[in-house]
Amino acid sequence: MEETSCVYGINHKTRCMVSQIAEQEKNRFIIGTQDPRDDNEIHLLEFNEDDCDISSIIFKHPGEIWSMTAHPYLSDMLFTTYKIPNSNNMETSLWKMNTTEVTDDSITEYKIDNMFTFNSKYKIKKLICEPNEGASKMATLEENTINLWDINNTSNTSESLRQYTIPPNPYNEKIQITAGVWSPHSNNVFITTNNEDILAWDCRNDSVSMKVENAHEMLVQDVDYNPNKPYFVATAGNDCNIKIWDIRLPKEPLKIMSDHSHWIWNVKFNHYHDQLLISSSSDCQVNLQSAVSVSSSAKFLEEKSLLIIDEKSDFDEKTSVDDSVIYEQELFYTGTGSSLPVDGIISTYDQHEDSVYSITWSNSDPWIFGSLSYDGRFVINIVPSEEKYKIFNITCS
């Protein structure tokens, strides 16, 4: 079966998109518009795979949206960071999306309610939350500080629980916190990217617990945690590279992927099959790629490769150990003679005509992902069946 794409268009500029992570049964995505001249909107989208159809609920939103974070366990709640209308100042608020229609003067629309707004003294750029259902903490990322908050005590947003200060840059560069992600393996650990560096923070301490300096040659734009390997993270940067790190070994990345031709804005691990990564870039492309050699499946594949090598040795009467080693390397990295997953590009999608600023996996289906470009084009794609069969170790006929 050949997978098809599904497209949804918005008549606004767009930069922000998240999956509705508290929704476990439906493929839902949330998009925020970024138009300085018009009323802005939040689009709650649902993708029906059977009908290849996208339905939407649209909410009006004050100000152009620069960042969005879905609430980790309340599906109708959403954080946005946005520019205040007729001002250069930014605010961050928590909204409740009411999906019940409201009719006023014969006009039917959907409403969002402002549950609270952070104190304006906090110049928030991004917000990250614990990803687990029992989440209790969230962190706001600012110019050179990080503030920790109790996500269950939103009545007090005047003072944070704890504040962290980014260490000074030895090159006297202006510190830019560009991205952050909470560890799915620990409620107390989160990662931020600052200029070209990666910093790991422990909420139980007041300092950086691990650091990778000069992780990229240019600005790091995104970071994501491997869901199955506690110390493995992926980063994407303006140097057109994606790098996978073991943050305990900061000197060299485990793997570098250089398949984009311009700045890379996003990189995301699949939530279940961590060998699958998606990335988006200003080259207008979306890449789906496999990094199985540094995934949780690597040991299994090495064992399978050795089994296949032994079988080949029996049939071909191999006598050279060196030949077996060469055959194993070909098998594991290029897929020669096997239907198992291998490293490299799986698919490249060129359905966008503008910079692709956001990309994310569906939270309810591990094979579905969405991408969003600046011109308001949202595209759903599905992992090819052949790759699914490889992951399940089934030969595609």
Protein backbone atom coordinates (compact mmCIF):
# COMPACT_ATOMS: atom_id res chain seq x y z
CA MET A 1 0.00 0.00 0.00
CA GLU A 2 1.37 3.41 -0.93
CA GLU A 3 0.94 6.01 1.79
CA THR A 4 -0.73 9.27 0.80
CA SER A 5 -0.31 12.77 2.19
CA CYS A 6 -3.07 15.03 3.47
CA VAL A 7 -2.85 18.84 3.26
CA TYR A 8 -4.57 21.61 5.23
CA GLY A 9 -4.15 25.31 4.37
CA ILE A 10 -4.32 28.39 6.62
CA ASN A 11 -4.62 31.96 5.30
CA HIS A 12 -2.08 33.29 7.80
CA LYS A 13 1.63 33.08 8.40
CA THR A 14 2.44 30.23 10.75
CA ARG A 15 5.43 29.12 12.80
CA CYS A 16 4.14 27.06 15.74
CA MET A 17 2.62 23.59 15.91
CA VAL A 18 2.37 20.92 18.60
CA SER A 19 0.63 17.58 18.93
CA GLN A 20 -2.12 17.38 21.53
CA ILE A 21 -0.05 15.16 23.81
CA ALA A 22 -2.83 14.50 26.35
CA GLU A 23 -4.96 12.97 23.57
CA GLN A 24 -4.23 9.25 23.36
CA GLU A 25 -6.86 8.07 20.86
CA LYS A 26 -7.08 10.68 18.09
CA ASN A 27 -4.46 12.24 15.79
CA ARG A 28 -4.72 15.84 16.91
CA PHE A 29 -2.44 18.78 16.19
CA ILE A 30 -2.62 22.43 17.29
CA ILE A 31 -1.37 25.29 15.10
CA GLY A 32 -0.90 28.93 16.08
CA THR A 33 -0.79 31.75 13.50
CA GLN A 34 1.76 34.56 13.38
CA ASP A 35 0.32 37.38 11.34
CA PRO A 36 1.19 40.93 12.52
CA ARG A 37 -1.58 42.55 10.46
CA ASP A 38 -4.59 40.32 11.17
CA ASP A 39 -6.42 38.70 14.05
CA ASN A 40 -4.58 35.53 14.90
CA GLU A 41 -5.99 32.07 15.40
CA ILE A 42 -5.47 28.69 17.01
CA HIS A 43 -6.42 25.74 14.79
CA LEU A 44 -7.23 22.45 16.53
CA LEU A 45 -6.90 19.79 13.82
CA GLU A 46 -7.88 16.14 13.76
CA PHE A 47 -6.60 13.74 11.12
CA ASN A 48 -8.79 10.78 10.17
CA GLU A 49 -6.53 8.18 8.55
CA ASP A 50 -9.39 6.07 7.19
CA ASP A 51 -10.86 8.96 5.20
CA CYS A 52 -7.54 10.83 4.72
CA ASP A 53 -9.32 13.92 5.99
CA ILE A 54 -8.43 16.81 8.32
CA SER A 55 -11.19 18.51 10.33
CA SER A 56 -10.67 21.73 12.27
CA ILE A 57 -11.94 23.88 15.11
CA ILE A 58 -10.73 27.50 14.99
CA PHE A 59 -10.31 29.85 17.97
CA LYS A 60 -9.48 33.56 17.88
CA HIS A 61 -6.25 34.45 19.67
CA PRO A 62 -4.91 37.91 20.64
CA GLY A 63 -1.49 38.63 19.11
CA GLU A 64 0.91 36.72 16.87
CA ILE A 65 1.98 33.39 18.38
CA TRP A 66 5.72 32.70 18.66
CA SER A 67 5.71 29.56 20.79
CA MET A 68 3.20 26.89 21.90
CA THR A 69 3.24 24.09 24.46
CA ALA A 70 0.46 21.55 24.94
CA HIS A 71 -0.50 20.78 28.53
CA PRO A 72 0.93 17.35 29.44
CA TYR A 73 -2.29 15.82 30.82
CA LEU A 74 -5.17 18.25 30.17
CA SER A 75 -6.09 18.01 26.50
CA ASP A 76 -8.10 21.24 26.43
CA MET A 77 -5.26 23.36 27.87
CA LEU A 78 -2.55 25.12 25.88
CA PHE A 79 0.30 27.53 26.68
CA THR A 80 1.15 30.25 24.13
CA THR A 81 3.84 32.91 24.03
CA TYR A 82 2.66 35.80 21.89
CA LYS A 83 3.26 39.43 21.02
CA ILE A 84 0.77 41.78 22.67
CA PRO A 85 -1.27 43.59 19.98
CA ASN A 86 -0.01 47.13 19.23
CA SER A 87 3.08 46.50 21.34
CA ASN A 88 6.55 44.99 21.10
CA ASN A 89 6.12 43.21 24.44
CA MET A 90 5.50 39.48 24.79
CA GLU A 91 3.22 37.55 27.14
CA THR A 92 2.79 33.88 28.02
CA SER A 93 -0.64 32.57 28.99
CA LEU A 94 -2.48 29.33 29.66
CA TRP A 95 -5.69 28.95 27.64
CA LYS A 96 -8.65 26.62 27.88
CA MET A 97 -10.07 25.61 24.51
CA ASN A 98 -13.86 25.29 24.66
CA THR A 99 -14.99 23.02 21.85
CA THR A 100 -18.68 23.76 22.42
CA GLU A 101 -20.10 26.15 19.82
CA VAL A 102 -21.17 29.61 21.02
CA THR A 103 -23.70 31.55 18.93
CA ASP A 104 -23.68 35.35 19.19
CA ASP A 105 -25.62 37.58 16.75
CA SER A 106 -26.11 34.61 14.43
CA ILE A 107 -22.35 34.00 14.31
CA THR A 108 -21.20 30.61 15.57
CA GLU A 109 -17.67 30.43 16.96
CA TYR A 110 -15.51 28.67 19.51
CA LYS A 111 -14.05 30.44 22.52
CA ILE A 112 -10.79 30.21 24.42
CA ASP A 113 -10.57 31.33 28.03
CA ASN A 114 -7.44 32.88 29.55
CA MET A 115 -6.76 30.86 32.69
CA PHE A 116 -3.76 32.95 33.74
CA THR A 117 -0.93 35.06 32.37
CA PHE A 118 2.61 35.04 33.71
CA ASN A 119 3.92 38.16 35.42
CA SER A 120 5.31 40.52 32.77
CA LYS A 121 8.69 40.71 34.51
CA TYR A 122 9.43 37.26 33.12
CA LYS A 123 10.54 37.67 29.49
CA ILE A 124 9.54 34.18 28.43
CA LYS A 125 10.59 32.79 25.05
CA LYS A 126 9.56 29.15 25.44
CA LEU A 127 7.89 26.91 28.01
CA ILE A 128 8.53 23.21 28.62
CA CYS A 129 6.65 20.76 30.86
CA GLU A 130 7.28 17.38 32.37
CA PRO A 131 5.93 14.99 29.73
CA ASN A 132 4.33 12.49 32.09
CA GLU A 133 0.71 12.24 33.18
CA GLY A 134 1.58 13.05 36.79
CA ALA A 135 3.55 16.14 35.81
CA SER A 136 4.16 18.67 38.57
CA LYS A 137 6.81 20.97 37.10
CA MET A 138 7.25 23.28 34.14
CA ALA A 139 10.10 25.60 33.17
CA THR A 140 10.09 28.94 31.37
CA LEU A 141 13.09 29.72 29.17
CA GLU A 142 14.06 33.38 29.00
CA GLU A 143 17.02 35.42 27.74
CA ASN A 144 19.65 34.10 30.14
CA THR A 145 17.56 32.60 32.94
CA ILE A 146 15.29 29.61 33.50
CA ASN A 147 12.45 29.67 36.01
CA LEU A 148 10.87 26.56 37.52
CA TRP A 149 7.14 26.49 38.34
CA ASP A 150 4.54 24.23 39.94
CA ILE A 151 2.21 23.33 37.08
CA ASN A 152 -0.58 22.49 39.56
CA ASN A 153 -0.42 25.85 41.34
CA THR A 154 -1.18 28.24 38.53
CA SER A 155 -2.90 30.68 40.89
CA ASN A 156 0.56 31.96 41.84
CA THR A 157 2.51 33.07 38.79
CA SER A 158 4.15 36.08 40.39
CA GLU A 159 7.14 34.20 41.82
CA SER A 160 8.83 31.06 40.52
CA LEU A 161 9.91 28.11 42.66
CA ARG A 162 13.53 28.31 41.55
CA GLN A 163 15.63 30.30 39.11
CA TYR A 164 18.69 29.16 37.17
CA THR A 165 21.17 31.47 35.50
CA ILE A 166 22.94 30.47 32.29
CA PRO A 167 26.74 30.44 32.84
CA PRO A 168 28.56 33.36 31.15
CA ASN A 169 29.78 32.83 27.62
CA PRO A 170 33.63 32.98 27.45
CA TYR A 171 33.40 34.59 24.00
CA ASN A 172 31.16 37.41 25.30
CA GLU A 173 28.41 36.46 22.89
CA LYS A 174 24.82 37.29 23.76
CA ILE A 175 23.25 34.22 25.32
CA GLN A 176 20.33 32.83 23.33
CA ILE A 177 18.20 30.04 24.76
CA THR A 178 16.81 28.53 21.59
CA ALA A 179 15.19 25.27 22.68
CA GLY A 180 14.50 22.96 25.59
CA VAL A 181 13.06 19.53 26.35
CA TRP A 182 12.19 17.66 29.53
CA SER A 183 13.60 14.19 30.01
CA PRO A 184 10.99 11.42 29.63
CA HIS A 185 13.18 9.34 31.96
CA SER A 186 13.37 11.65 34.99
CA ASN A 187 11.02 14.24 36.49
CA ASN A 188 14.03 16.26 37.63
CA VAL A 189 16.10 16.58 34.44
CA PHE A 190 15.68 18.84 31.43
CA ILE A 191 17.92 20.01 28.58
CA THR A 192 18.36 23.47 27.06
CA THR A 193 20.34 24.65 24.05
CA ASN A 194 22.14 27.97 24.40
CA ASN A 195 23.99 29.43 21.41
CA GLU A 196 26.12 26.45 20.29
CA ASP A 197 26.02 24.58 23.61
CA ILE A 198 23.86 21.88 25.21
CA LEU A 199 23.17 22.14 28.95
CA ALA A 200 21.58 19.49 31.18
CA TRP A 201 19.87 20.71 34.35
CA ASP A 202 18.85 18.84 37.51
CA CYS A 203 15.98 20.42 39.46
CA ARG A 204 17.49 19.16 42.72
CA ASN A 205 20.60 21.30 42.19
CA ASP A 206 21.29 24.92 41.34
CA SER A 207 23.83 24.33 38.61
CA VAL A 208 24.42 22.62 35.28
CA SER A 209 24.80 18.85 35.71
CA MET A 210 26.25 18.12 32.24
CA LYS A 211 27.40 20.28 29.34
CA VAL A 212 28.37 19.82 25.70
CA GLU A 213 30.30 22.87 24.50
CA ASN A 214 30.32 23.87 20.84
CA ALA A 215 27.94 21.06 19.94
CA HIS A 216 27.39 22.79 16.57
CA GLU A 217 29.43 25.28 14.59
CA MET A 218 26.45 27.63 14.47
CA LEU A 219 23.31 28.26 16.53
CA VAL A 220 21.52 25.16 17.84
CA GLN A 221 17.82 25.41 16.92
CA ASP A 222 16.29 22.31 18.50
CA VAL A 223 16.92 19.42 20.88
CA ASP A 224 14.96 16.25 21.59
CA TYR A 225 15.34 13.35 24.02
CA ASN A 226 15.53 9.74 22.91
CA PRO A 227 12.44 8.11 24.53
CA ASN A 228 14.19 4.77 25.04
CA LYS A 229 17.80 5.70 25.91
CA PRO A 230 18.13 7.99 28.97
CA TYR A 231 21.29 9.93 28.02
CA PHE A 232 20.80 10.17 24.26
CA VAL A 233 19.65 13.44 22.67
CA ALA A 234 19.42 14.77 19.11
CA THR A 235 20.23 18.36 18.16
CA ALA A 236 19.68 20.39 14.99
CA GLY A 237 21.47 23.57 14.01
CA ASN A 238 22.09 26.34 11.55
CA ASP A 239 25.15 24.42 10.34
CA CYS A 240 22.74 22.10 8.46
CA ASN A 241 23.62 19.15 10.71
CA ILE A 242 21.67 16.83 12.96
CA LYS A 243 23.78 15.27 15.69
CA ILE A 244 23.03 12.49 18.14
CA TRP A 245 24.82 12.69 21.49
CA ASP A 246 25.40 10.70 24.60
CA ILE A 247 25.58 13.70 26.92
CA ARG A 248 27.90 11.77 29.24
CA LEU A 249 30.47 11.82 26.41
CA PRO A 250 30.57 15.48 25.35
CA LYS A 251 33.68 15.46 23.15
CA GLU A 252 32.19 13.87 20.02
CA PRO A 253 28.67 13.13 18.75
CA LEU A 254 27.71 9.52 18.21
CA LYS A 255 26.35 10.30 14.76
CA ILE A 256 26.12 13.26 12.34
CA MET A 257 23.49 13.51 9.60
CA SER A 258 23.97 16.20 6.94
CA ASP A 259 21.00 15.78 4.63
CA HIS A 260 19.56 19.33 4.67
CA SER A 261 20.97 22.26 2.67
CA HIS A 262 19.91 25.10 4.99
CA TRP A 263 19.13 25.84 8.64
CA ILE A 264 17.40 22.96 10.44
CA TRP A 265 14.58 24.15 12.69
CA ASN A 266 13.36 20.88 14.18
CA VAL A 267 14.40 17.32 14.89
CA LYS A 268 12.12 14.83 16.67
CA PHE A 269 12.56 11.23 17.78
CA ASN A 270 9.65 8.87 17.23
CA HIS A 271 7.97 8.30 20.61
CA TYR A 272 8.20 4.49 20.30
CA HIS A 273 10.67 3.51 17.58
CA ASP A 274 13.65 5.69 18.46
CA GLN A 275 15.56 4.80 15.28
CA LEU A 276 13.08 7.01 13.37
CA LEU A 277 13.69 10.77 13.28
CA ILE A 278 11.94 13.57 11.42
CA SER A 279 13.49 16.95 10.64
CA SER A 280 12.45 20.21 8.98
CA SER A 281 14.45 23.02 7.47
CA SER A 282 14.53 26.34 5.65
CA ASP A 283 15.35 24.31 2.53
CA CYS A 284 11.56 23.65 2.42
CA GLN A 285 12.09 19.92 2.95
CA VAL A 286 11.06 17.37 5.54
CA ASN A 287 13.27 14.32 6.06
CA LEU A 288 12.34 10.99 7.57
CA GLN A 289 15.48 9.10 8.43
CA SER A 290 16.75 6.10 10.32
CA ALA A 291 19.54 6.14 12.89
CA VAL A 292 19.22 2.53 13.94
CA SER A 293 22.94 2.13 14.70
CA VAL A 294 22.60 4.44 17.74
CA SER A 295 19.09 3.40 18.76
CA SER A 296 17.74 0.98 21.33
CA SER A 297 17.38 -1.57 18.49
CA ALA A 298 21.11 -1.60 17.67
CA LYS A 299 22.00 -4.55 19.91
CA PHE A 300 19.13 -6.64 18.53
CA LEU A 301 20.17 -5.87 14.96
CA GLU A 302 23.79 -6.76 15.66
CA GLU A 303 22.64 -10.12 17.00
CA LYS A 304 20.41 -10.67 13.93
CA SER A 305 23.27 -9.69 11.64
CA LEU A 306 25.58 -12.21 13.25
CA LEU A 307 22.92 -14.91 12.86
CA ILE A 308 22.57 -14.12 9.16
CA ILE A 309 26.35 -14.10 8.77
CA ASP A 310 26.54 -17.55 10.35
CA GLU A 311 23.85 -18.82 7.98
CA LYS A 312 25.67 -17.37 4.98
CA SER A 313 28.91 -18.94 6.16
CA ASP A 314 27.25 -22.37 6.23
CA PHE A 315 25.91 -22.07 2.69
CA ASP A 316 28.87 -20.31 1.09
CA GLU A 317 31.56 -22.17 3.05
CA LYS A 318 33.12 -18.93 4.24
CA THR A 319 36.55 -19.54 5.71
CA SER A 320 37.84 -16.00 6.27
CA VAL A 321 36.98 -14.17 9.51
CA ASP A 322 37.82 -10.89 7.77
CA ASP A 323 35.23 -11.61 5.08
CA SER A 324 32.61 -12.20 7.77
CA VAL A 325 33.42 -8.86 9.42
CA ILE A 326 33.16 -7.00 6.10
CA TYR A 327 29.87 -8.73 5.32
CA GLU A 328 28.50 -7.79 8.77
CA GLN A 329 29.37 -4.12 8.24
CA GLU A 330 27.68 -4.07 4.82
CA LEU A 331 24.63 -5.80 6.23
CA PHE A 332 24.24 -3.50 9.22
CA TYR A 333 24.92 -0.14 7.61
CA THR A 334 23.63 -0.58 4.08
CA GLY A 335 21.10 -3.37 4.43
CA THR A 336 22.80 -5.67 1.94
CA GLY A 337 21.12 -9.06 2.03
CA SER A 338 18.59 -8.12 4.70
CA SER A 339 15.13 -6.65 5.25
CA LEU A 340 16.20 -5.10 8.56
CA PRO A 341 16.27 -1.32 9.23
CA VAL A 342 19.45 0.51 8.24
CA ASP A 343 20.90 3.99 8.70
CA GLY A 344 20.05 6.70 6.20
CA ILE A 345 17.25 8.68 4.59
CA ILE A 346 13.96 6.77 4.37
CA SER A 347 11.96 9.49 2.58
CA THR A 348 12.36 13.14 1.63
CA TYR A 349 9.18 15.21 1.36
CA ASP A 350 9.18 18.34 -0.81
CA GLN A 351 5.51 19.31 -0.40
CA HIS A 352 6.29 22.74 1.11
CA GLU A 353 7.18 25.93 -0.75
CA ASP A 354 8.42 27.90 2.28
CA SER A 355 10.57 27.31 5.36
CA VAL A 356 9.26 24.40 7.43
CA TYR A 357 9.36 25.80 10.94
CA SER A 358 7.64 23.02 12.85
CA ILE A 359 7.28 19.27 12.77
CA THR A 360 5.90 16.71 15.21
CA TRP A 361 4.75 13.12 15.57
CA SER A 362 1.16 12.26 16.37
CA ASN A 363 0.77 11.31 20.01
CA SER A 364 -1.72 8.51 19.29
CA ASP A 365 -0.22 6.81 16.21
CA PRO A 366 3.55 6.18 15.99
CA TRP A 367 3.54 6.18 12.17
CA ILE A 368 1.90 9.59 11.57
CA PHE A 369 3.63 12.97 11.60
CA GLY A 370 2.77 16.52 10.60
CA SER A 371 4.81 19.43 9.24
CA LEU A 372 4.06 23.16 9.06
CA SER A 373 5.60 25.83 6.82
CA TYR A 374 5.58 29.61 7.18
CA ASP A 375 3.03 30.06 4.39
CA GLY A 376 0.35 28.23 6.43
CA ARG A 377 0.64 24.84 4.74
CA PHE A 378 0.18 21.87 7.08
CA VAL A 379 0.94 18.39 5.72
CA ILE A 380 0.31 14.95 7.22
CA ASN A 381 2.58 12.08 6.16
CA ILE A 382 2.83 8.43 7.15
CA VAL A 383 5.92 6.24 7.57
CA PRO A 384 6.19 3.98 4.48
CA SER A 385 4.89 0.44 4.94
CA GLU A 386 8.19 -1.03 3.82
CA GLU A 387 9.97 0.66 6.72
CA LYS A 388 7.30 -0.49 9.15
CA TYR A 389 7.86 -4.08 8.01
CA LYS A 390 11.60 -3.68 8.49
CA ILE A 391 11.09 -2.39 12.00
CA PHE A 392 8.87 -5.36 12.77
CA ASN A 393 11.42 -7.61 11.07
CA ILE A 394 8.96 -8.62 8.34
CA THR A 395 10.12 -8.89 4.74
CA CYS A 396 8.06 -6.69 2.44
CA SER A 397 6.83 -8.78 -0.45
